[in-house]
Amino acid sequence: MAEAGLNVPRVIARDLDRGFLLLTDLGTTTYLQSLQQDRSLLDDLMPQAIRALVKWQTTSRENVLPPYSEALLRRELDLFPEWYLQRHCGLSLTDSCLDGMETTFSTLTATILSQARVYVHRDFMPRNLMRSNPEPGVLDFQDAVLGPISYDIASLMRDAFISWQENEVIDMTVRYWEEARRASLPVPGDFSEFYRDVEWMGMQRHLKVLGIFARLKHRDGKTGYVEDTPRFLGYLRATASRYGALSGLLPLLDRIEERTVTGGLTF
């Protein structure tokens, strides 16, 4: 990232045996904090994030980062039934719900694996972007992989901790797509096709994060994250309703909603 011109922490000194690192300072304010205080900053901050993302993606090369493989995609998806459905919601699924979920998982995985591959941060969202000079400072990149080109813009505009109107999401995704085309990145030439890729990639991410947030609560005792899960359920329902190939997930979402209303489940 540093070689690509992104503002990432530089290690000045280290003493790993004692657990010390001295890093350059990227400031104390995240994009998320700024946007929560003043949502009008969207038009200033997101284009800066998009330019940084495109700049990094243009340096993508094979055999530098581990691949975002089918096995990794499926491991992430499997967090949803194990931790969110069974552990958090206490749901026993019917065969039809299981079949619909599996069909959706297979459809998502096949489509995602067909996308062009670039460097993927995997958590490129306002919480990990810093108000710094130059902007943005970029953190939390330890899970970076070589994977689908739609992933990081989906992370940025379908965030875990803040919601945007659909017209705002489309506007910023168009800006990314235009920047990517100018930089000769391998995005589809038809924006509607690319936007579908972003939405489907977002669904995979949302299913994964629902599982992770439930695991953080039930395994790690970190209870705050599940408060944001209704946002993800809304993303999932909107996408599953828009695309017939993903509609098999809708009966399961109905079961979750019924459980949260009648079963006394507290997020």
C-alpha atoms as a PDB file:
ATOM      1  CA  MET A   1       0.000   0.000   0.000  1.00  0.00           C
ATOM      2  CA  ALA A   2       2.803   2.402   0.838  1.00  0.00           C
ATOM      3  CA  GLU A   3       4.487   1.666  -2.486  1.00  0.00           C
ATOM      4  CA  ALA A   4       1.193   2.501  -4.226  1.00  0.00           C
ATOM      5  CA  GLY A   5       1.140   5.897  -2.518  1.00  0.00           C
ATOM      6  CA  LEU A   6      -1.444   5.205   0.186  1.00  0.00           C
ATOM      7  CA  ASN A   7      -1.133   6.721   3.636  1.00  0.00           C
ATOM      8  CA  VAL A   8      -0.571   3.709   5.896  1.00  0.00           C
ATOM      9  CA  PRO A   9       1.279   3.481   9.222  1.00  0.00           C
ATOM     10  CA  ARG A  10       5.052   3.273   8.941  1.00  0.00           C
ATOM     11  CA  VAL A  11       6.965   1.238  11.518  1.00  0.00           C
ATOM     12  CA  ILE A  12       9.646   3.494  12.998  1.00  0.00           C
ATOM     13  CA  ALA A  13      10.965   1.024  15.564  1.00  0.00           C
ATOM     14  CA  ARG A  14       9.980  -2.324  17.015  1.00  0.00           C
ATOM     15  CA  ASP A  15      10.682  -4.567  19.995  1.00  0.00           C
ATOM     16  CA  LEU A  16       8.550  -7.614  19.282  1.00  0.00           C
ATOM     17  CA  ASP A  17       9.862  -9.590  22.277  1.00  0.00           C
ATOM     18  CA  ARG A  18       8.441  -6.930  24.610  1.00  0.00           C
ATOM     19  CA  GLY A  19       5.422  -6.205  22.467  1.00  0.00           C
ATOM     20  CA  PHE A  20       6.238  -2.663  21.347  1.00  0.00           C
ATOM     21  CA  LEU A  21       5.831  -0.890  18.009  1.00  0.00           C
ATOM     22  CA  LEU A  22       6.495   2.781  17.331  1.00  0.00           C
ATOM     23  CA  LEU A  23       4.316   3.862  14.382  1.00  0.00           C
ATOM     24  CA  THR A  24       3.664   7.051  12.495  1.00  0.00           C
ATOM     25  CA  ASP A  25       0.546   8.839  13.751  1.00  0.00           C
ATOM     26  CA  LEU A  26      -2.490   8.886  11.453  1.00  0.00           C
ATOM     27  CA  GLY A  27      -4.586  10.998  13.818  1.00  0.00           C
ATOM     28  CA  THR A  28      -7.471  10.249  16.168  1.00  0.00           C
ATOM     29  CA  THR A  29     -10.594  10.790  14.021  1.00  0.00           C
ATOM     30  CA  THR A  30     -12.033   8.146  11.723  1.00  0.00           C
ATOM     31  CA  TYR A  31     -14.149   8.786   8.654  1.00  0.00           C
ATOM     32  CA  LEU A  32     -16.981   7.092  10.520  1.00  0.00           C
ATOM     33  CA  GLN A  33     -16.808   9.579  13.390  1.00  0.00           C
ATOM     34  CA  SER A  34     -16.749  12.515  10.978  1.00  0.00           C
ATOM     35  CA  LEU A  35     -19.660  11.174   8.921  1.00  0.00           C
ATOM     36  CA  GLN A  36     -21.733  10.445  12.023  1.00  0.00           C
ATOM     37  CA  GLN A  37     -21.250  14.047  13.126  1.00  0.00           C
ATOM     38  CA  ASP A  38     -21.837  15.595   9.701  1.00  0.00           C
ATOM     39  CA  ARG A  39     -23.346  13.435   6.952  1.00  0.00           C
ATOM     40  CA  SER A  40     -22.810  16.214   4.398  1.00  0.00           C
ATOM     41  CA  LEU A  41     -19.106  15.239   4.451  1.00  0.00           C
ATOM     42  CA  LEU A  42     -20.020  12.230   2.291  1.00  0.00           C
ATOM     43  CA  ASP A  43     -19.265  14.201  -0.894  1.00  0.00           C
ATOM     44  CA  ASP A  44     -15.825  15.199   0.430  1.00  0.00           C
ATOM     45  CA  LEU A  45     -14.609  12.054   2.158  1.00  0.00           C
ATOM     46  CA  MET A  46     -15.848   9.229  -0.049  1.00  0.00           C
ATOM     47  CA  PRO A  47     -14.236  10.474  -3.283  1.00  0.00           C
ATOM     48  CA  GLN A  48     -10.913  10.612  -1.415  1.00  0.00           C
ATOM     49  CA  ALA A  49     -11.412   7.034  -0.259  1.00  0.00           C
ATOM     50  CA  ILE A  50     -12.342   5.969  -3.796  1.00  0.00           C
ATOM     51  CA  ARG A  51      -9.214   7.554  -5.287  1.00  0.00           C
ATOM     52  CA  ALA A  52      -7.032   5.792  -2.716  1.00  0.00           C
ATOM     53  CA  LEU A  53      -8.728   2.472  -3.441  1.00  0.00           C
ATOM     54  CA  VAL A  54      -8.300   2.792  -7.204  1.00  0.00           C
ATOM     55  CA  LYS A  55      -4.669   3.837  -6.771  1.00  0.00           C
ATOM     56  CA  TRP A  56      -3.972   0.671  -4.770  1.00  0.00           C
ATOM     57  CA  GLN A  57      -5.915  -1.628  -7.084  1.00  0.00           C
ATOM     58  CA  THR A  58      -3.926  -0.479 -10.107  1.00  0.00           C
ATOM     59  CA  THR A  59      -0.794  -1.984  -8.526  1.00  0.00           C
ATOM     60  CA  SER A  60      -2.374  -5.445  -8.135  1.00  0.00           C
ATOM     61  CA  ARG A  61      -0.192  -8.415  -8.997  1.00  0.00           C
ATOM     62  CA  GLU A  62      -0.548 -12.161  -8.713  1.00  0.00           C
ATOM     63  CA  ASN A  63       1.342 -14.099  -6.029  1.00  0.00           C
ATOM     64  CA  VAL A  64       1.710 -11.170  -3.623  1.00  0.00           C
ATOM     65  CA  LEU A  65      -1.383 -11.603  -1.453  1.00  0.00           C
ATOM     66  CA  PRO A  66      -3.195 -14.882  -0.735  1.00  0.00           C
ATOM     67  CA  PRO A  67      -6.124 -15.624  -3.045  1.00  0.00           C
ATOM     68  CA  TYR A  68      -9.746 -15.085  -2.042  1.00  0.00           C
ATOM     69  CA  SER A  69     -10.448 -18.728  -2.793  1.00  0.00           C
ATOM     70  CA  GLU A  70     -13.694 -20.673  -2.994  1.00  0.00           C
ATOM     71  CA  ALA A  71     -12.784 -22.385   0.269  1.00  0.00           C
ATOM     72  CA  LEU A  72     -12.383 -19.025   2.027  1.00  0.00           C
ATOM     73  CA  LEU A  73     -15.652 -17.700   0.599  1.00  0.00           C
ATOM     74  CA  ARG A  74     -17.506 -20.768   1.836  1.00  0.00           C
ATOM     75  CA  ARG A  75     -15.899 -20.659   5.289  1.00  0.00           C
ATOM     76  CA  GLU A  76     -17.095 -17.089   5.624  1.00  0.00           C
ATOM     77  CA  LEU A  77     -20.622 -17.945   4.488  1.00  0.00           C
ATOM     78  CA  ASP A  78     -20.804 -20.890   6.882  1.00  0.00           C
ATOM     79  CA  LEU A  79     -20.392 -18.490   9.822  1.00  0.00           C
ATOM     80  CA  PHE A  80     -23.960 -17.327   9.149  1.00  0.00           C
ATOM     81  CA  PRO A  81     -25.828 -20.598   9.841  1.00  0.00           C
ATOM     82  CA  GLU A  82     -23.461 -21.701  12.604  1.00  0.00           C
ATOM     83  CA  TRP A  83     -23.236 -18.529  14.679  1.00  0.00           C
ATOM     84  CA  TYR A  84     -26.109 -16.270  13.643  1.00  0.00           C
ATOM     85  CA  LEU A  85     -28.944 -18.662  12.865  1.00  0.00           C
ATOM     86  CA  GLN A  86     -28.265 -21.471  15.305  1.00  0.00           C
ATOM     87  CA  ARG A  87     -26.363 -19.824  18.148  1.00  0.00           C
ATOM     88  CA  HIS A  88     -27.827 -16.316  18.135  1.00  0.00           C
ATOM     89  CA  CYS A  89     -31.354 -16.839  16.804  1.00  0.00           C
ATOM     90  CA  GLY A  90     -31.818 -20.400  18.047  1.00  0.00           C
ATOM     91  CA  LEU A  91     -33.395 -21.433  14.751  1.00  0.00           C
ATOM     92  CA  SER A  92     -33.945 -24.993  13.587  1.00  0.00           C
ATOM     93  CA  LEU A  93     -34.272 -24.744   9.836  1.00  0.00           C
ATOM     94  CA  THR A  94     -36.697 -26.576   7.598  1.00  0.00           C
ATOM     95  CA  ASP A  95     -35.378 -28.466   4.588  1.00  0.00           C
ATOM     96  CA  SER A  96     -36.823 -25.825   2.258  1.00  0.00           C
ATOM     97  CA  CYS A  97     -35.032 -23.019   4.118  1.00  0.00           C
ATOM     98  CA  LEU A  98     -31.784 -24.979   4.059  1.00  0.00           C
ATOM     99  CA  ASP A  99     -32.163 -25.658   0.325  1.00  0.00           C
ATOM    100  CA  GLY A 100     -32.853 -21.976  -0.376  1.00  0.00           C
ATOM    101  CA  MET A 101     -29.829 -20.925   1.650  1.00  0.00           C
ATOM    102  CA  GLU A 102     -27.540 -23.442  -0.041  1.00  0.00           C
ATOM    103  CA  THR A 103     -28.750 -22.418  -3.503  1.00  0.00           C
ATOM    104  CA  THR A 104     -28.062 -18.778  -2.650  1.00  0.00           C
ATOM    105  CA  PHE A 105     -24.607 -19.615  -1.280  1.00  0.00           C
ATOM    106  CA  SER A 106     -23.692 -21.568  -4.432  1.00  0.00           C
ATOM    107  CA  THR A 107     -25.001 -18.833  -6.744  1.00  0.00           C
ATOM    108  CA  LEU A 108     -23.104 -16.108  -4.882  1.00  0.00           C
ATOM    109  CA  THR A 109     -19.873 -18.087  -4.791  1.00  0.00           C
ATOM    110  CA  ALA A 110     -19.891 -18.902  -8.503  1.00  0.00           C
ATOM    111  CA  THR A 111     -20.615 -15.308  -9.509  1.00  0.00           C
ATOM    112  CA  ILE A 112     -18.037 -13.823  -7.151  1.00  0.00           C
ATOM    113  CA  LEU A 113     -15.302 -16.190  -8.350  1.00  0.00           C
ATOM    114  CA  SER A 114     -15.980 -15.125 -11.942  1.00  0.00           C
ATOM    115  CA  GLN A 115     -15.079 -11.477 -11.224  1.00  0.00           C
ATOM    116  CA  ALA A 116     -11.751  -9.927 -12.143  1.00  0.00           C
ATOM    117  CA  ARG A 117      -9.244 -10.055  -9.285  1.00  0.00           C
ATOM    118  CA  VAL A 118      -7.410  -7.155  -7.669  1.00  0.00           C
ATOM    119  CA  TYR A 119      -5.989  -6.376  -4.235  1.00  0.00           C
ATOM    120  CA  VAL A 120      -8.806  -6.506  -1.663  1.00  0.00           C
ATOM    121  CA  HIS A 121      -8.506  -4.837   1.755  1.00  0.00           C
ATOM    122  CA  ARG A 122     -11.576  -6.757   3.087  1.00  0.00           C
ATOM    123  CA  ASP A 123     -12.577  -4.052   5.592  1.00  0.00           C
ATOM    124  CA  PHE A 124     -12.304  -0.888   3.505  1.00  0.00           C
ATOM    125  CA  MET A 125     -14.954   1.038   5.417  1.00  0.00           C
ATOM    126  CA  PRO A 126     -15.205   4.418   7.202  1.00  0.00           C
ATOM    127  CA  ARG A 127     -14.285   2.899  10.562  1.00  0.00           C
ATOM    128  CA  ASN A 128     -10.831   1.968   9.181  1.00  0.00           C
ATOM    129  CA  LEU A 129     -10.152   5.205   7.302  1.00  0.00           C
ATOM    130  CA  MET A 130      -8.549   8.088   9.192  1.00  0.00           C
ATOM    131  CA  ARG A 131      -8.765  11.863   8.845  1.00  0.00           C
ATOM    132  CA  SER A 132      -5.099  12.319   8.132  1.00  0.00           C
ATOM    133  CA  ASN A 133      -2.711  14.104   5.797  1.00  0.00           C
ATOM    134  CA  PRO A 134      -2.940  12.935   3.093  1.00  0.00           C
ATOM    135  CA  GLU A 135      -6.459  11.539   3.392  1.00  0.00           C
ATOM    136  CA  PRO A 136      -7.378   8.893   4.064  1.00  0.00           C
ATOM    137  CA  GLY A 137      -5.074   7.108   6.441  1.00  0.00           C
ATOM    138  CA  VAL A 138      -5.745   3.380   5.989  1.00  0.00           C
ATOM    139  CA  LEU A 139      -5.798   0.856   8.840  1.00  0.00           C
ATOM    140  CA  ASP A 140      -6.769  -2.779   9.521  1.00  0.00           C
ATOM    141  CA  PHE A 141      -5.366  -4.260   6.319  1.00  0.00           C
ATOM    142  CA  GLN A 142      -3.948  -7.467   7.799  1.00  0.00           C
ATOM    143  CA  ASP A 143      -6.535  -9.697   6.080  1.00  0.00           C
ATOM    144  CA  ALA A 144      -5.891  -8.352   2.560  1.00  0.00           C
ATOM    145  CA  VAL A 145      -6.185 -10.826  -0.326  1.00  0.00           C
ATOM    146  CA  LEU A 146      -6.289 -10.959  -4.107  1.00  0.00           C
ATOM    147  CA  GLY A 147      -9.967 -11.173  -4.906  1.00  0.00           C
ATOM    148  CA  PRO A 148     -13.121  -9.776  -6.561  1.00  0.00           C
ATOM    149  CA  ILE A 149     -12.914  -6.201  -7.754  1.00  0.00           C
ATOM    150  CA  SER A 150     -16.342  -5.315  -6.350  1.00  0.00           C
ATOM    151  CA  TYR A 151     -15.492  -6.207  -2.748  1.00  0.00           C
ATOM    152  CA  ASP A 152     -13.994  -3.027  -1.325  1.00  0.00           C
ATOM    153  CA  ILE A 153     -16.482  -0.602  -2.869  1.00  0.00           C
ATOM    154  CA  ALA A 154     -19.226  -2.841  -1.429  1.00  0.00           C
ATOM    155  CA  SER A 155     -17.537  -2.574   1.982  1.00  0.00           C
ATOM    156  CA  LEU A 156     -17.274   1.191   1.675  1.00  0.00           C
ATOM    157  CA  MET A 157     -20.873   1.884   0.664  1.00  0.00           C
ATOM    158  CA  ARG A 158     -22.674  -1.020   2.414  1.00  0.00           C
ATOM    159  CA  ASP A 159     -21.051  -0.395   5.762  1.00  0.00           C
ATOM    160  CA  ALA A 160     -21.556  -2.233   9.043  1.00  0.00           C
ATOM    161  CA  PHE A 161     -21.923   0.900  11.141  1.00  0.00           C
ATOM    162  CA  ILE A 162     -23.590   3.600   9.037  1.00  0.00           C
ATOM    163  CA  SER A 163     -26.369   3.547   6.420  1.00  0.00           C
ATOM    164  CA  TRP A 164     -26.809   5.629   3.275  1.00  0.00           C
ATOM    165  CA  GLN A 165     -29.737   6.297   1.000  1.00  0.00           C
ATOM    166  CA  GLU A 166     -29.720   4.133  -2.119  1.00  0.00           C
ATOM    167  CA  ASN A 167     -29.201   7.150  -4.389  1.00  0.00           C
ATOM    168  CA  GLU A 168     -26.062   8.003  -2.383  1.00  0.00           C
ATOM    169  CA  VAL A 169     -24.789   4.434  -2.681  1.00  0.00           C
ATOM    170  CA  ILE A 170     -25.390   4.400  -6.438  1.00  0.00           C
ATOM    171  CA  ASP A 171     -23.776   7.824  -6.888  1.00  0.00           C
ATOM    172  CA  MET A 172     -20.566   6.848  -5.098  1.00  0.00           C
ATOM    173  CA  THR A 173     -20.452   3.451  -6.781  1.00  0.00           C
ATOM    174  CA  VAL A 174     -20.742   5.190 -10.175  1.00  0.00           C
ATOM    175  CA  ARG A 175     -17.879   7.482  -9.173  1.00  0.00           C
ATOM    176  CA  TYR A 176     -15.752   4.478  -8.280  1.00  0.00           C
ATOM    177  CA  TRP A 177     -16.686   2.715 -11.544  1.00  0.00           C
ATOM    178  CA  GLU A 178     -15.757   5.786 -13.594  1.00  0.00           C
ATOM    179  CA  GLU A 179     -12.433   6.183 -11.748  1.00  0.00           C
ATOM    180  CA  ALA A 180     -11.704   2.488 -12.220  1.00  0.00           C
ATOM    181  CA  ARG A 181     -12.418   2.670 -15.965  1.00  0.00           C
ATOM    182  CA  ARG A 182     -10.142   5.705 -16.333  1.00  0.00           C
ATOM    183  CA  ALA A 183      -7.430   3.733 -14.542  1.00  0.00           C
ATOM    184  CA  SER A 184      -7.990   0.744 -16.893  1.00  0.00           C
ATOM    185  CA  LEU A 185      -9.080  -1.525 -14.058  1.00  0.00           C
ATOM    186  CA  PRO A 186     -11.060  -4.599 -15.209  1.00  0.00           C
ATOM    187  CA  VAL A 187     -14.573  -3.478 -14.247  1.00  0.00           C
ATOM    188  CA  PRO A 188     -17.472  -4.396 -16.568  1.00  0.00           C
ATOM    189  CA  GLY A 189     -18.197  -1.853 -19.280  1.00  0.00           C
ATOM    190  CA  ASP A 190     -21.887  -1.775 -18.315  1.00  0.00           C
ATOM    191  CA  PHE A 191     -22.487  -0.091 -14.957  1.00  0.00           C
ATOM    192  CA  SER A 192     -25.674  -2.076 -14.293  1.00  0.00           C
ATOM    193  CA  GLU A 193     -23.641  -5.284 -14.530  1.00  0.00           C
ATOM    194  CA  PHE A 194     -21.039  -3.908 -12.147  1.00  0.00           C
ATOM    195  CA  TYR A 195     -23.678  -2.714  -9.689  1.00  0.00           C
ATOM    196  CA  ARG A 196     -25.161  -6.207  -9.635  1.00  0.00           C
ATOM    197  CA  ASP A 197     -21.700  -7.553  -8.832  1.00  0.00           C
ATOM    198  CA  VAL A 198     -21.400  -5.051  -5.976  1.00  0.00           C
ATOM    199  CA  GLU A 199     -24.794  -5.992  -4.544  1.00  0.00           C
ATOM    200  CA  TRP A 200     -24.096  -9.727  -4.744  1.00  0.00           C
ATOM    201  CA  MET A 201     -20.656  -9.247  -3.230  1.00  0.00           C
ATOM    202  CA  GLY A 202     -22.281  -7.187  -0.509  1.00  0.00           C
ATOM    203  CA  MET A 203     -24.683 -10.027   0.256  1.00  0.00           C
ATOM    204  CA  GLN A 204     -21.806 -12.452   0.793  1.00  0.00           C
ATOM    205  CA  ARG A 205     -20.128  -9.938   3.088  1.00  0.00           C
ATOM    206  CA  HIS A 206     -23.314  -9.251   5.044  1.00  0.00           C
ATOM    207  CA  LEU A 207     -23.935 -12.960   5.631  1.00  0.00           C
ATOM    208  CA  LYS A 208     -20.353 -13.335   6.835  1.00  0.00           C
ATOM    209  CA  VAL A 209     -20.515 -10.323   9.140  1.00  0.00           C
ATOM    210  CA  LEU A 210     -23.800 -11.461  10.705  1.00  0.00           C
ATOM    211  CA  GLY A 211     -21.969 -14.643  11.687  1.00  0.00           C
ATOM    212  CA  ILE A 212     -18.920 -12.759  12.927  1.00  0.00           C
ATOM    213  CA  PHE A 213     -20.950 -10.310  15.030  1.00  0.00           C
ATOM    214  CA  ALA A 214     -22.883 -13.198  16.609  1.00  0.00           C
ATOM    215  CA  ARG A 215     -19.597 -15.004  17.309  1.00  0.00           C
ATOM    216  CA  LEU A 216     -18.168 -11.876  18.919  1.00  0.00           C
ATOM    217  CA  LYS A 217     -21.110 -11.864  21.314  1.00  0.00           C
ATOM    218  CA  HIS A 218     -21.474 -15.525  22.154  1.00  0.00           C
ATOM    219  CA  ARG A 219     -17.850 -16.652  22.042  1.00  0.00           C
ATOM    220  CA  ASP A 220     -15.911 -13.505  22.877  1.00  0.00           C
ATOM    221  CA  GLY A 221     -18.321 -11.595  25.117  1.00  0.00           C
ATOM    222  CA  LYS A 222     -18.359  -8.500  22.871  1.00  0.00           C
ATOM    223  CA  THR A 223     -22.048  -7.650  22.888  1.00  0.00           C
ATOM    224  CA  GLY A 224     -22.143  -4.294  21.100  1.00  0.00           C
ATOM    225  CA  TYR A 225     -21.707  -5.522  17.543  1.00  0.00           C
ATOM    226  CA  VAL A 226     -25.010  -7.395  17.251  1.00  0.00           C
ATOM    227  CA  GLU A 227     -26.861  -4.096  17.728  1.00  0.00           C
ATOM    228  CA  ASP A 228     -25.997  -3.345  14.091  1.00  0.00           C
ATOM    229  CA  THR A 229     -27.328  -6.625  12.675  1.00  0.00           C
ATOM    230  CA  PRO A 230     -30.755  -5.206  11.668  1.00  0.00           C
ATOM    231  CA  ARG A 231     -28.897  -3.061   9.116  1.00  0.00           C
ATOM    232  CA  PHE A 232     -27.471  -6.199   7.511  1.00  0.00           C
ATOM    233  CA  LEU A 233     -30.802  -7.973   7.482  1.00  0.00           C
ATOM    234  CA  GLY A 234     -32.213  -4.965   5.628  1.00  0.00           C
ATOM    235  CA  TYR A 235     -29.399  -5.169   3.061  1.00  0.00           C
ATOM    236  CA  LEU A 236     -30.027  -8.889   2.580  1.00  0.00           C
ATOM    237  CA  ARG A 237     -33.777  -8.506   2.106  1.00  0.00           C
ATOM    238  CA  ALA A 238     -33.386  -5.659  -0.382  1.00  0.00           C
ATOM    239  CA  THR A 239     -30.895  -7.616  -2.506  1.00  0.00           C
ATOM    240  CA  ALA A 240     -32.749 -10.940  -2.310  1.00  0.00           C
ATOM    241  CA  SER A 241     -35.964  -9.165  -3.343  1.00  0.00           C
ATOM    242  CA  ARG A 242     -34.306  -7.464  -6.304  1.00  0.00           C
ATOM    243  CA  TYR A 243     -32.718 -10.563  -7.898  1.00  0.00           C
ATOM    244  CA  GLY A 244     -34.696 -13.717  -8.620  1.00  0.00           C
ATOM    245  CA  ALA A 245     -31.566 -15.878  -8.419  1.00  0.00           C
ATOM    246  CA  LEU A 246     -31.178 -14.888  -4.758  1.00  0.00           C
ATOM    247  CA  SER A 247     -34.837 -15.006  -3.740  1.00  0.00           C
ATOM    248  CA  GLY A 248     -34.383 -18.420  -2.128  1.00  0.00           C
ATOM    249  CA  LEU A 249     -33.058 -16.566   0.908  1.00  0.00           C
ATOM    250  CA  LEU A 250     -36.341 -14.720   1.508  1.00  0.00           C
ATOM    251  CA  PRO A 251     -38.167 -17.526   3.406  1.00  0.00           C
ATOM    252  CA  LEU A 252     -35.197 -17.728   5.762  1.00  0.00           C
ATOM    253  CA  LEU A 253     -35.252 -13.969   6.334  1.00  0.00           C
ATOM    254  CA  ASP A 254     -38.969 -14.283   7.098  1.00  0.00           C
ATOM    255  CA  ARG A 255     -38.152 -16.928   9.729  1.00  0.00           C
ATOM    256  CA  ILE A 256     -35.531 -14.663  11.293  1.00  0.00           C
ATOM    257  CA  GLU A 257     -37.950 -11.747  11.408  1.00  0.00           C
ATOM    258  CA  GLU A 258     -40.671 -13.944  12.933  1.00  0.00           C
ATOM    259  CA  ARG A 259     -38.194 -15.212  15.543  1.00  0.00           C
ATOM    260  CA  THR A 260     -37.078 -11.721  16.528  1.00  0.00           C
ATOM    261  CA  VAL A 261     -40.671 -10.514  16.869  1.00  0.00           C
ATOM    262  CA  THR A 262     -42.361 -13.463  18.571  1.00  0.00           C
ATOM    263  CA  GLY A 263     -39.458 -15.190  20.230  1.00  0.00           C
ATOM    264  CA  GLY A 264     -38.218 -12.339  22.363  1.00  0.00           C
ATOM    265  CA  LEU A 265     -34.775 -12.303  20.783  1.00  0.00           C
ATOM    266  CA  THR A 266     -32.866  -9.127  21.628  1.00  0.00           C
ATOM    267  CA  PHE A 267     -30.193  -7.812  19.316  1.00  0.00           C
END
